[in-house]
Protein backbone atom coordinates (compact mmCIF):
# COMPACT_ATOMS: atom_id res chain seq x y z
CA UNK A 1 -6.29 -5.83 18.72
CA UNK A 2 -4.84 -3.75 15.97
CA UNK A 3 -2.40 -6.54 14.80
CA UNK A 4 -5.04 -8.69 14.87
CA UNK A 5 -7.72 -6.62 12.93
CA UNK A 6 -5.29 -6.74 10.37
CA UNK A 7 -3.93 -10.03 9.81
CA UNK A 8 -7.99 -10.50 9.12
CA UNK A 9 -8.57 -6.90 6.85
CA UNK A 10 -5.32 -8.35 5.18
CA UNK A 11 -6.27 -11.93 4.92
CA UNK A 12 -9.79 -11.07 3.48
CA UNK A 13 -8.02 -9.18 1.55
CA UNK A 14 -6.17 -12.38 -0.41
CA UNK A 15 -8.96 -13.76 -0.48
CA UNK A 16 -10.13 -11.48 -2.65
CA UNK A 17 -7.35 -10.82 -4.66
CA UNK A 18 -7.49 -14.69 -5.20
CA UNK A 19 -10.55 -15.17 -6.07
CA UNK A 20 -10.07 -12.20 -8.82
CA UNK A 21 -6.71 -14.08 -10.72
CA UNK A 22 -8.74 -17.09 -10.59
CA UNK A 23 -12.78 -15.89 -11.53
CA UNK A 24 -9.58 -14.20 -14.37
CA UNK A 25 -8.21 -17.19 -15.41
CA UNK A 26 -11.30 -19.17 -15.70
CA UNK A 27 -12.65 -16.59 -17.98
CA UNK A 28 -9.01 -16.36 -20.17
CA UNK A 29 -8.90 -20.00 -20.78
CA UNK A 30 -12.85 -20.26 -21.53
CA UNK A 31 -12.74 -17.24 -24.34
CA UNK A 32 -13.56 -17.79 -27.49
CA UNK A 33 -10.79 -16.14 -28.93
CA UNK A 34 -6.59 -17.15 -30.15
CA UNK A 35 -3.86 -17.91 -27.89
CA UNK A 36 -2.60 -14.57 -29.02
CA UNK A 37 -5.37 -12.37 -27.92
CA UNK A 38 -5.38 -14.86 -24.62
CA UNK A 39 -1.79 -13.62 -23.92
CA UNK A 40 -2.54 -9.50 -24.50
CA UNK A 41 -4.98 -10.23 -22.37
CA UNK A 42 -3.03 -11.82 -19.65
CA UNK A 43 0.20 -8.88 -20.03
CA UNK A 44 -2.76 -6.33 -19.11
CA UNK A 45 -2.91 -8.36 -16.08
CA UNK A 46 0.68 -9.17 -15.43
CA UNK A 47 1.13 -4.90 -15.55
CA UNK A 48 -2.00 -4.24 -13.62
CA UNK A 49 -0.43 -5.69 -10.88
CA UNK A 50 3.10 -4.72 -11.09
CA UNK A 51 0.98 -1.07 -11.32
CA UNK A 52 -0.59 -1.01 -8.54
CA UNK A 53 1.63 -2.59 -6.39
CA UNK A 54 3.80 -0.12 -7.07
CA UNK A 55 1.16 2.93 -6.65
CA UNK A 56 0.48 1.05 -2.96
CA UNK A 57 4.14 1.30 -2.39
CA UNK A 58 5.24 3.91 -3.11
CA UNK A 59 2.28 5.71 -1.46
CA UNK A 60 3.08 3.94 1.54
CA UNK A 61 6.75 5.46 1.35
CA UNK A 62 5.21 8.58 1.57
CA UNK A 63 3.16 8.55 4.16
CA UNK A 64 6.31 7.05 6.18
CA UNK A 65 8.02 9.84 4.94
CA UNK A 66 5.76 12.54 6.39
CA UNK A 67 4.41 11.14 9.41
CA UNK A 68 9.12 11.00 10.21
CA UNK A 69 9.02 14.85 9.12
CA UNK A 70 6.42 15.52 11.67
CA UNK A 71 7.46 13.48 13.70
CA UNK A 72 10.89 15.52 13.43
CA UNK A 73 9.28 18.34 13.64
CA UNK A 74 7.08 18.33 16.28
CA UNK A 75 10.68 17.74 18.76
CA UNK A 76 12.08 20.69 16.98
CA UNK A 77 9.01 22.01 18.92
CA UNK A 78 9.65 20.93 21.59
CA UNK A 79 12.66 21.65 21.94
CA UNK A 80 12.46 25.19 22.30
CA UNK A 81 9.66 24.63 24.47
CA UNK A 82 11.60 23.15 26.44
CA UNK A 83 14.48 25.65 26.19
CA UNK A 84 12.10 28.97 26.05
CA UNK A 85 10.58 27.53 29.82
CA UNK A 86 14.94 26.63 31.26
CA UNK A 87 15.68 30.46 30.18
CA UNK A 88 12.61 31.56 31.92
CA UNK A 89 13.24 29.94 35.35
CA UNK A 90 16.58 32.00 35.19
C-alpha cells in the first residue's frame, strides 16, 4: 500500500513540475522582450531547479544519517540492557 501511494504522489508531483515548466517555457517564448533577457530568465529557472534538487537531496541525506544514528543508539541501549539482565540472573 505504501509504495502505491508513494508512486501516485510522485506521479502527481512530476505532472505538476512538467506543467510548471511548460507554462514557464510558454511565458518565455511569448514574452515581449529581447532574446538576451529570455536567456537570463532561462538561466535563472535552470539554476533555481538545480538548487532545489540539491536542497532536497541534502535534507534527505541528513534525515537518513539521523535515522542511522538513532538506530545505532537504540541497538547500543538494547545491548546494555541485555548485559544488565544477564548479570542480574547470575
